[in-house]
PDB file of N, CA and C in Angstrom:
ATOM      1  N   MET A   1      -2.441   3.290  -7.025  1.00  0.00           N
ATOM      2  CA  MET A   1      -3.399   2.226  -6.455  1.00  0.00           C
ATOM      3  C   MET A   1      -5.076   2.242  -6.089  1.00  0.00           C
ATOM      4  N   SER A   2      -5.620   1.157  -5.824  1.00  0.00           N
ATOM      5  CA  SER A   2      -7.031   1.440  -6.103  1.00  0.00           C
ATOM      6  C   SER A   2      -7.049   1.305  -4.576  1.00  0.00           C
ATOM      7  N   ASN A   3      -8.416   1.967  -4.324  1.00  0.00           N
ATOM      8  CA  ASN A   3      -8.797   1.900  -2.754  1.00  0.00           C
ATOM      9  C   ASN A   3      -9.263   0.625  -2.391  1.00  0.00           C
ATOM     10  N   ALA A   4      -8.734   0.596  -1.326  1.00  0.00           N
ATOM     11  CA  ALA A   4      -9.117  -0.849  -0.499  1.00  0.00           C
ATOM     12  C   ALA A   4      -9.543  -0.455   0.735  1.00  0.00           C
ATOM     13  N   GLU A   5     -10.322  -1.202   1.544  1.00  0.00           N
ATOM     14  CA  GLU A   5     -10.851  -1.250   2.844  1.00  0.00           C
ATOM     15  C   GLU A   5     -11.006  -2.194   3.728  1.00  0.00           C
ATOM     16  N   SER A   6     -10.882  -2.315   4.635  1.00  0.00           N
ATOM     17  CA  SER A   6     -10.547  -3.444   5.888  1.00  0.00           C
ATOM     18  C   SER A   6     -12.212  -4.073   5.135  1.00  0.00           C
ATOM     19  N   LYS A   7     -11.832  -5.530   5.654  1.00  0.00           N
ATOM     20  CA  LYS A   7     -13.420  -6.455   5.220  1.00  0.00           C
ATOM     21  C   LYS A   7     -14.000  -6.495   6.603  1.00  0.00           C
ATOM     22  N   THR A   8     -15.164  -6.563   6.608  1.00  0.00           N
ATOM     23  CA  THR A   8     -15.939  -6.722   7.304  1.00  0.00           C
ATOM     24  C   THR A   8     -15.529  -7.664   9.016  1.00  0.00           C
ATOM     25  N   ASP A   9     -14.932  -8.675   8.221  1.00  0.00           N
ATOM     26  CA  ASP A   9     -14.343  -9.266   9.781  1.00  0.00           C
ATOM     27  C   ASP A   9     -13.208  -8.991  10.267  1.00  0.00           C
ATOM     28  N   GLY A  10     -13.217  -7.696  10.164  1.00  0.00           N
ATOM     29  CA  GLY A  10     -11.743  -6.867  10.352  1.00  0.00           C
ATOM     30  C   GLY A  10     -10.563  -7.287   9.726  1.00  0.00           C
ATOM     31  N   SER A  11     -10.011  -8.467   8.996  1.00  0.00           N
ATOM     32  CA  SER A  11      -9.117  -8.695   8.240  1.00  0.00           C
ATOM     33  C   SER A  11      -8.778  -7.419   7.023  1.00  0.00           C
ATOM     34  N   LEU A  12      -7.417  -7.402   6.704  1.00  0.00           N
ATOM     35  CA  LEU A  12      -7.173  -6.481   5.992  1.00  0.00           C
ATOM     36  C   LEU A  12      -6.975  -7.137   4.262  1.00  0.00           C
ATOM     37  N   ILE A  13      -7.188  -6.010   3.838  1.00  0.00           N
ATOM     38  CA  ILE A  13      -7.265  -6.172   2.349  1.00  0.00           C
ATOM     39  C   ILE A  13      -5.786  -5.602   1.410  1.00  0.00           C
ATOM     40  N   TRP A  14      -4.929  -6.370   1.751  1.00  0.00           N
ATOM     41  CA  TRP A  14      -3.402  -5.903   0.587  1.00  0.00           C
ATOM     42  C   TRP A  14      -3.512  -6.305  -0.455  1.00  0.00           C
ATOM     43  N   PHE A  15      -3.303  -5.053  -1.247  1.00  0.00           N
ATOM     44  CA  PHE A  15      -3.158  -4.822  -2.981  1.00  0.00           C
ATOM     45  C   PHE A  15      -1.568  -4.500  -3.389  1.00  0.00           C
ATOM     46  N   THR A  16      -1.164  -4.717  -4.352  1.00  0.00           N
ATOM     47  CA  THR A  16      -0.252  -4.517  -5.317  1.00  0.00           C
ATOM     48  C   THR A  16      -0.263  -3.172  -6.119  1.00  0.00           C
ATOM     49  N   SER A  17       0.577  -2.463  -6.811  1.00  0.00           N
ATOM     50  CA  SER A  17      -0.136  -1.010  -7.740  1.00  0.00           C
ATOM     51  C   SER A  17      -0.299  -2.046  -8.842  1.00  0.00           C
ATOM     52  N   PRO A  18      -1.219  -1.506  -9.794  1.00  0.00           N
ATOM     53  CA  PRO A  18      -1.439  -2.075 -11.304  1.00  0.00           C
ATOM     54  C   PRO A  18       0.420  -2.402 -11.985  1.00  0.00           C
ATOM     55  N   TYR A  19       0.537  -1.610 -11.771  1.00  0.00           N
ATOM     56  CA  TYR A  19       1.886  -0.664 -12.706  1.00  0.00           C
ATOM     57  C   TYR A  19       3.188  -2.036 -12.129  1.00  0.00           C
ATOM     58  N   SER A  20       2.494  -3.022 -11.261  1.00  0.00           N
ATOM     59  CA  SER A  20       3.676  -3.841 -10.771  1.00  0.00           C
ATOM     60  C   SER A  20       3.445  -4.664 -11.711  1.00  0.00           C
ATOM     61  N   ASN A  21       4.581  -5.370 -12.311  1.00  0.00           N
ATOM     62  CA  ASN A  21       4.601  -6.663 -13.344  1.00  0.00           C
ATOM     63  C   ASN A  21       4.586  -8.100 -12.406  1.00  0.00           C
ATOM     64  N   GLY A  22       4.917  -7.717 -11.268  1.00  0.00           N
ATOM     65  CA  GLY A  22       5.326  -9.008 -11.261  1.00  0.00           C
ATOM     66  C   GLY A  22       6.520 -10.084 -11.184  1.00  0.00           C
ATOM     67  N   ALA A  23       7.567  -9.285 -12.770  1.00  0.00           N
ATOM     68  CA  ALA A  23       7.954 -10.444 -12.725  1.00  0.00           C
ATOM     69  C   ALA A  23       9.292 -10.788 -12.175  1.00  0.00           C
ATOM     70  N   GLY A  24       9.887  -9.490 -11.393  1.00  0.00           N
ATOM     71  CA  GLY A  24      10.866  -9.070 -10.702  1.00  0.00           C
ATOM     72  C   GLY A  24      10.467  -9.941  -9.448  1.00  0.00           C
ATOM     73  N   GLY A  25       9.423 -10.005  -8.678  1.00  0.00           N
ATOM     74  CA  GLY A  25       9.016  -9.646  -6.989  1.00  0.00           C
ATOM     75  C   GLY A  25       9.320  -8.951  -6.146  1.00  0.00           C
ATOM     76  N   GLU A  26       9.364  -8.097  -6.988  1.00  0.00           N
ATOM     77  CA  GLU A  26      10.063  -6.763  -6.067  1.00  0.00           C
ATOM     78  C   GLU A  26       9.289  -5.463  -6.285  1.00  0.00           C
ATOM     79  N   CYS A  27       8.000  -5.890  -5.176  1.00  0.00           N
ATOM     80  CA  CYS A  27       6.856  -5.489  -5.222  1.00  0.00           C
ATOM     81  C   CYS A  27       6.493  -4.645  -3.873  1.00  0.00           C
ATOM     82  N   VAL A  28       5.684  -4.318  -3.517  1.00  0.00           N
ATOM     83  CA  VAL A  28       5.212  -3.472  -1.724  1.00  0.00           C
ATOM     84  C   VAL A  28       3.722  -3.885  -2.117  1.00  0.00           C
ATOM     85  N   GLU A  29       3.168  -4.261  -1.270  1.00  0.00           N
ATOM     86  CA  GLU A  29       1.675  -4.769  -1.133  1.00  0.00           C
ATOM     87  C   GLU A  29       1.563  -3.320   0.210  1.00  0.00           C
ATOM     88  N   CYS A  30       0.021  -2.471   0.173  1.00  0.00           N
ATOM     89  CA  CYS A  30      -0.486  -1.754   0.796  1.00  0.00           C
ATOM     90  C   CYS A  30      -1.884  -2.423   1.444  1.00  0.00           C
ATOM     91  N   ALA A  31      -2.050  -1.873   2.150  1.00  0.00           N
ATOM     92  CA  ALA A  31      -3.653  -1.612   2.873  1.00  0.00           C
ATOM     93  C   ALA A  31      -3.761  -0.610   3.793  1.00  0.00           C
ATOM     94  N   PHE A  32      -5.234  -0.184   3.618  1.00  0.00           N
ATOM     95  CA  PHE A  32      -5.624   0.964   4.036  1.00  0.00           C
ATOM     96  C   PHE A  32      -5.811   0.649   5.518  1.00  0.00           C
ATOM     97  N   THR A  33      -6.021   1.403   6.211  1.00  0.00           N
ATOM     98  CA  THR A  33      -6.649   1.356   7.614  1.00  0.00           C
ATOM     99  C   THR A  33      -7.562   2.857   7.662  1.00  0.00           C
ATOM    100  N   SER A  34      -8.819   3.038   9.083  1.00  0.00           N
ATOM    101  CA  SER A  34      -8.995   4.392   9.233  1.00  0.00           C
ATOM    102  C   SER A  34      -7.999   5.264   9.253  1.00  0.00           C
ATOM    103  N   ASP A  35      -6.620   4.742  10.334  1.00  0.00           N
ATOM    104  CA  ASP A  35      -5.688   5.754  10.612  1.00  0.00           C
ATOM    105  C   ASP A  35      -4.691   6.505   9.332  1.00  0.00           C
ATOM    106  N   GLY A  36      -4.787   5.140   8.444  1.00  0.00           N
ATOM    107  CA  GLY A  36      -3.282   5.997   7.247  1.00  0.00           C
ATOM    108  C   GLY A  36      -3.196   3.968   6.390  1.00  0.00           C
ATOM    109  N   ALA A  37      -1.818   4.038   6.191  1.00  0.00           N
ATOM    110  CA  ALA A  37      -1.775   2.653   5.138  1.00  0.00           C
ATOM    111  C   ALA A  37      -0.971   1.693   5.948  1.00  0.00           C
ATOM    112  N   LEU A  38      -0.144   0.465   5.421  1.00  0.00           N
ATOM    113  CA  LEU A  38       0.071   0.189   5.960  1.00  0.00           C
ATOM    114  C   LEU A  38       0.994  -0.669   4.798  1.00  0.00           C
ATOM    115  N   VAL A  39       2.507  -0.993   4.485  1.00  0.00           N
ATOM    116  CA  VAL A  39       3.013  -0.915   3.346  1.00  0.00           C
ATOM    117  C   VAL A  39       4.505  -2.444   3.932  1.00  0.00           C
ATOM    118  N   ARG A  40       4.044  -3.607   3.049  1.00  0.00           N
ATOM    119  CA  ARG A  40       5.172  -4.595   3.331  1.00  0.00           C
ATOM    120  C   ARG A  40       5.753  -5.280   2.322  1.00  0.00           C
ATOM    121  N   ASP A  41       6.638  -5.741   2.294  1.00  0.00           N
ATOM    122  CA  ASP A  41       6.828  -6.465   1.268  1.00  0.00           C
ATOM    123  C   ASP A  41       6.458  -7.799   0.706  1.00  0.00           C
ATOM    124  N   SER A  42       6.020  -7.679  -0.702  1.00  0.00           N
ATOM    125  CA  SER A  42       5.358  -8.715  -1.103  1.00  0.00           C
ATOM    126  C   SER A  42       5.690 -10.047  -0.777  1.00  0.00           C
ATOM    127  N   LYS A  43       6.921 -10.109  -0.843  1.00  0.00           N
ATOM    128  CA  LYS A  43       7.808 -11.416  -0.532  1.00  0.00           C
ATOM    129  C   LYS A  43       7.842 -12.039   0.961  1.00  0.00           C
ATOM    130  N   SER A  44       7.011 -11.310   1.765  1.00  0.00           N
ATOM    131  CA  SER A  44       7.514 -11.602   3.128  1.00  0.00           C
ATOM    132  C   SER A  44       6.043 -11.138   3.756  1.00  0.00           C
ATOM    133  N   ALA A  45       4.936 -11.552   3.563  1.00  0.00           N
ATOM    134  CA  ALA A  45       3.940 -11.211   3.984  1.00  0.00           C
ATOM    135  C   ALA A  45       3.944 -11.128   5.577  1.00  0.00           C
ATOM    136  N   GLU A  46       4.874 -12.591   6.342  1.00  0.00           N
ATOM    137  CA  GLU A  46       4.456 -11.936   7.767  1.00  0.00           C
ATOM    138  C   GLU A  46       5.645 -11.179   8.143  1.00  0.00           C
ATOM    139  N   GLY A  47       6.283 -10.407   7.473  1.00  0.00           N
ATOM    140  CA  GLY A  47       7.314  -9.707   7.754  1.00  0.00           C
ATOM    141  C   GLY A  47       7.003  -8.409   8.697  1.00  0.00           C
ATOM    142  N   PRO A  48       8.135  -7.611   8.675  1.00  0.00           N
ATOM    143  CA  PRO A  48       7.503  -6.308   9.463  1.00  0.00           C
ATOM    144  C   PRO A  48       6.682  -5.538   8.399  1.00  0.00           C
ATOM    145  N   VAL A  49       6.578  -4.348   9.045  1.00  0.00           N
ATOM    146  CA  VAL A  49       4.993  -3.880   8.698  1.00  0.00           C
ATOM    147  C   VAL A  49       5.816  -2.298   8.967  1.00  0.00           C
ATOM    148  N   VAL A  50       5.074  -1.281   8.043  1.00  0.00           N
ATOM    149  CA  VAL A  50       5.868   0.031   7.917  1.00  0.00           C
ATOM    150  C   VAL A  50       3.798   0.547   8.205  1.00  0.00           C
ATOM    151  N   VAL A  51       4.105   1.176   9.278  1.00  0.00           N
ATOM    152  CA  VAL A  51       2.888   2.373   9.274  1.00  0.00           C
ATOM    153  C   VAL A  51       3.055   3.694   9.014  1.00  0.00           C
ATOM    154  N   VAL A  52       2.105   4.054   7.876  1.00  0.00           N
ATOM    155  CA  VAL A  52       1.811   5.801   7.723  1.00  0.00           C
ATOM    156  C   VAL A  52       0.867   6.195   8.178  1.00  0.00           C
ATOM    157  N   GLN A  53       0.935   7.389   8.636  1.00  0.00           N
ATOM    158  CA  GLN A  53      -0.433   8.497   9.106  1.00  0.00           C
ATOM    159  C   GLN A  53      -0.627   8.447   7.679  1.00  0.00           C
ATOM    160  N   GLY A  54      -2.092   8.790   7.472  1.00  0.00           N
ATOM    161  CA  GLY A  54      -2.891   9.466   6.826  1.00  0.00           C
ATOM    162  C   GLY A  54      -2.456  10.470   5.774  1.00  0.00           C
ATOM    163  N   HIS A  55      -2.177  11.507   6.793  1.00  0.00           N
ATOM    164  CA  HIS A  55      -1.681  12.378   5.889  1.00  0.00           C
ATOM    165  C   HIS A  55      -0.223  12.427   5.471  1.00  0.00           C
ATOM    166  N   VAL A  56       0.476  11.789   5.761  1.00  0.00           N
ATOM    167  CA  VAL A  56       1.320  11.674   5.359  1.00  0.00           C
ATOM    168  C   VAL A  56       1.418  10.850   4.243  1.00  0.00           C
ATOM    169  N   TRP A  57       0.876   9.803   4.365  1.00  0.00           N
ATOM    170  CA  TRP A  57       0.197   8.856   2.632  1.00  0.00           C
ATOM    171  C   TRP A  57      -0.272   9.444   1.962  1.00  0.00           C
ATOM    172  N   GLN A  58      -1.449  10.584   1.689  1.00  0.00           N
ATOM    173  CA  GLN A  58      -1.642  11.324   0.968  1.00  0.00           C
ATOM    174  C   GLN A  58      -0.297  12.551   0.169  1.00  0.00           C
ATOM    175  N   SER A  59       0.086  12.599   1.025  1.00  0.00           N
ATOM    176  CA  SER A  59       1.216  13.789   0.983  1.00  0.00           C
ATOM    177  C   SER A  59       1.998  12.777   0.146  1.00  0.00           C
ATOM    178  N   PHE A  60       2.588  11.488   0.428  1.00  0.00           N
ATOM    179  CA  PHE A  60       3.614  10.856  -0.361  1.00  0.00           C
ATOM    180  C   PHE A  60       3.156  10.601  -2.045  1.00  0.00           C
ATOM    181  N   ILE A  61       1.602  10.401  -2.075  1.00  0.00           N
ATOM    182  CA  ILE A  61       1.118   9.968  -3.378  1.00  0.00           C
ATOM    183  C   ILE A  61       0.886  11.181  -3.855  1.00  0.00           C
ATOM    184  N   ARG A  62       0.405  12.048  -3.473  1.00  0.00           N
ATOM    185  CA  ARG A  62       0.484  13.430  -4.418  1.00  0.00           C
ATOM    186  C   ARG A  62       2.111  14.248  -4.898  1.00  0.00           C
ATOM    187  N   HIS A  63       2.749  13.227  -4.095  1.00  0.00           N
ATOM    188  CA  HIS A  63       4.077  14.022  -4.950  1.00  0.00           C
ATOM    189  C   HIS A  63       4.831  13.214  -5.715  1.00  0.00           C
ATOM    190  N   LEU A  64       4.045  11.436  -5.966  1.00  0.00           N
ATOM    191  CA  LEU A  64       4.313  10.662  -6.649  1.00  0.00           C
ATOM    192  C   LEU A  64       3.912  10.789  -7.666  1.00  0.00           C
ATOM    193  N   LYS A  65       2.625  11.937  -7.990  1.00  0.00           N
ATOM    194  CA  LYS A  65       1.590  11.829  -9.144  1.00  0.00           C
ATOM    195  C   LYS A  65       2.244  13.250  -9.456  1.00  0.00           C
ATOM    196  N   ASN A  66       2.615  14.245  -9.004  1.00  0.00           N
ATOM    197  CA  ASN A  66       3.211  15.025  -9.844  1.00  0.00           C
ATOM    198  C   ASN A  66       5.416  15.029 -10.398  1.00  0.00           C
ATOM    199  N   GLN A  67       5.374  13.919  -9.679  1.00  0.00           N
ATOM    200  CA  GLN A  67       6.458  13.484 -10.784  1.00  0.00           C
ATOM    201  C   GLN A  67       6.740  12.631 -11.755  1.00  0.00           C
ATOM    202  N   GLN A  68       5.431  11.667 -12.104  1.00  0.00           N
ATOM    203  CA  GLN A  68       5.015  11.240 -13.687  1.00  0.00           C
ATOM    204  C   GLN A  68       4.495  12.497 -14.927  1.00  0.00           C
ATOM    205  N   PRO A  69       5.136  12.272 -15.860  1.00  0.00           N
ATOM    206  CA  PRO A  69       5.645  12.899 -16.838  1.00  0.00           C
ATOM    207  C   PRO A  69       4.037  13.586 -17.477  1.00  0.00           C
TER     208      PRO A  69
END
C-alpha cells in the first residue's frame, strides 16, 4: 500500500492496495492519520470505520510481508 497522508484541508486520502483488482468489489480502503490507520469497506464508504493504532498497523504489515513467498 502506498503511503498517503491527510490533505491540507483535513480530509482523508483513502486508497486501496495495488494488489486489489477491483473485479469482485471485495476490497478495503485505508487512510493514514497521525495516530495510525483507518480501514473501511470500499463498497460502503459511509459505513463503519476500523481505527488501528500505528504500532499495531506496522506489526500487521510486517506480518503480511513475512507471509509472502
